[in-house]
Protein backbone atom coordinates (compact mmCIF):
# COMPACT_ATOMS: atom_id res chain seq x y z
CA LEU A 1 144.33 11.17 118.03
CA ALA A 2 140.43 10.68 116.98
CA GLY A 3 140.11 7.32 118.54
CA ARG A 4 140.85 9.30 122.31
CA GLY A 5 137.91 11.76 121.17
CA LEU A 6 140.69 14.22 120.33
CA VAL A 7 140.80 16.90 117.06
CA PRO A 8 142.27 15.16 114.54
CA THR A 9 145.03 16.98 112.55
CA ALA A 10 147.92 16.54 109.36
CA ALA A 11 151.03 14.17 110.04
CA ALA A 12 153.53 14.93 111.37
CA SER A 13 156.49 15.50 108.80
CA ALA A 14 159.42 15.50 110.43
CA PRO A 15 161.06 14.34 113.79
CA TRP A 16 161.17 16.26 116.94
CA ALA A 17 163.63 15.91 120.30
CA PHE A 18 161.42 16.79 123.48
CA ASP A 19 163.13 18.15 126.50
CA PRO A 20 162.54 15.50 129.49
CA ARG A 21 159.84 17.98 131.43
CA VAL A 22 157.39 17.62 129.07
CA ALA A 23 156.70 14.03 129.84
CA GLY A 24 155.90 15.29 133.38
CA GLN A 25 153.94 18.49 131.62
CA LEU A 26 151.70 15.81 129.55
CA ASN A 27 150.04 14.93 132.91
CA ASP A 28 149.87 18.31 134.53
CA PRO A 29 146.38 18.64 135.99
CA ARG A 30 146.16 22.24 134.27
CA LEU A 31 145.51 20.12 131.10
CA GLY A 32 142.09 19.49 132.23
CA ASN A 33 140.74 16.63 130.59
CA LEU A 34 144.26 16.20 128.01
CA ALA A 35 146.09 15.72 131.27
CA GLY A 36 147.73 11.89 131.07
CA ARG A 37 146.41 11.35 127.28
CA LEU A 38 148.77 12.94 125.14
CA THR A 39 151.44 11.05 123.89
CA GLN A 40 155.26 12.83 122.58
CA GLY A 41 153.30 11.37 118.88
CA ASP A 42 150.17 13.59 119.95
CA ILE A 43 152.41 16.64 119.89
CA ALA A 44 154.19 16.50 117.02
CA ASN A 45 150.80 16.26 114.65
CA LEU A 46 149.28 19.55 116.75
CA LEU A 47 152.77 21.09 115.68
CA ALA A 48 151.12 19.96 112.04
CA ASN A 49 148.14 21.51 112.20
CA PRO A 50 148.00 24.08 109.89
CA GLY A 51 144.96 26.08 112.16
CA ALA A 52 147.27 26.49 114.76
CA GLN A 53 148.19 30.15 116.28
CA ARG A 54 152.17 30.50 115.60
CA MET A 55 153.44 33.23 117.81
CA LEU A 56 157.59 34.44 118.03
CA ASP A 57 157.37 34.87 121.60
CA VAL A 58 160.16 37.62 122.51
CA SER A 59 160.91 36.68 126.22
CA PRO A 60 163.88 34.30 126.21
CA VAL A 61 165.59 36.78 124.79
CA ALA A 62 165.25 39.13 127.94
CA ARG A 63 167.42 35.98 130.06
CA GLY A 64 170.07 35.50 127.35
CA TYR A 65 167.63 33.56 125.40
CA GLY A 66 166.77 32.94 121.67
CA PRO A 67 163.69 34.09 120.94
CA SER A 68 161.00 30.88 120.98
CA ILE A 69 157.34 29.81 119.23
CA ASN A 70 154.74 28.81 120.42
CA VAL A 71 152.08 26.92 118.88
CA VAL A 72 148.31 27.73 120.31
CA GLN A 73 144.96 25.75 120.04
CA ASP A 74 142.19 24.62 121.20
CA VAL A 75 142.40 20.82 122.06
CA ALA A 76 139.00 18.76 122.88
CA GLY A 77 138.07 22.15 124.65
CA VAL A 78 141.61 23.52 126.25
CA MET A 79 143.58 25.92 124.31
CA LEU A 80 147.02 24.16 124.20
CA ARG A 81 150.72 26.46 124.02
CA ILE A 82 153.15 23.83 122.94
CA THR A 83 156.58 25.67 122.83
CA VAL A 84 159.62 25.08 120.77
CA SER A 85 162.76 26.25 119.43
CA SER A 86 162.94 29.05 116.56
CA THR A 87 166.02 26.80 115.51
CA GLU A 88 165.88 23.33 116.06
CA MET A 89 163.12 20.77 115.94
CA ARG A 90 163.00 20.83 119.60
CA VAL A 91 159.70 20.62 121.33
CA TYR A 92 160.73 22.80 125.52
CA SER A 93 157.05 22.84 127.43
CA VAL A 94 153.86 22.25 126.83
CA GLY A 95 150.66 23.56 129.23
CA PRO A 96 146.85 25.36 129.49
CA ILE A 97 147.22 29.29 128.00
CA GLY A 98 144.58 31.54 128.76
CA PRO A 99 142.95 33.12 125.85
CA ASN A 100 144.44 36.59 128.10
CA ALA A 101 147.57 35.58 127.89
CA VAL A 102 147.37 35.81 124.07
CA THR A 103 145.40 38.58 124.01
CA ASN A 104 147.92 40.10 126.30
CA GLY A 105 151.20 39.08 124.94
CA ILE A 106 150.48 40.45 121.63
CA ALA A 107 149.41 43.47 122.74
CA ARG A 108 152.50 44.03 125.38
CA GLY A 109 154.57 43.21 121.86
CA ARG A 110 155.93 39.76 124.33
CA PHE A 111 154.03 37.70 121.25
CA PHE A 112 154.45 38.69 117.18
CA PRO A 113 151.77 36.16 115.54
CA LEU A 114 153.16 33.96 112.59
CA PRO A 115 151.93 33.56 109.13
């Protein structure tokens, strides 16, 4: 990460499985200067960052799934959201998220901040 001008984080301590769609999401132009620069290893390291904000996302429950966890942090000027399973070591999706989406999600009861 540091070699690419990104914020260095703690090393990932556990293996993560990645949903197949994550590979394409890492190249999404909405990621701005991060598009095409992040690897699955970078994502695993970012998940281990103790400074990231973690939130339980209950919106999947309305669709018949279990809740997920969103890990949100600023990475090289991009507010990045990494969505993971709440029951297994699996990354479902990666993408940008606006600060208003976080604030509104908490206010509306979709997101619940985790310690």
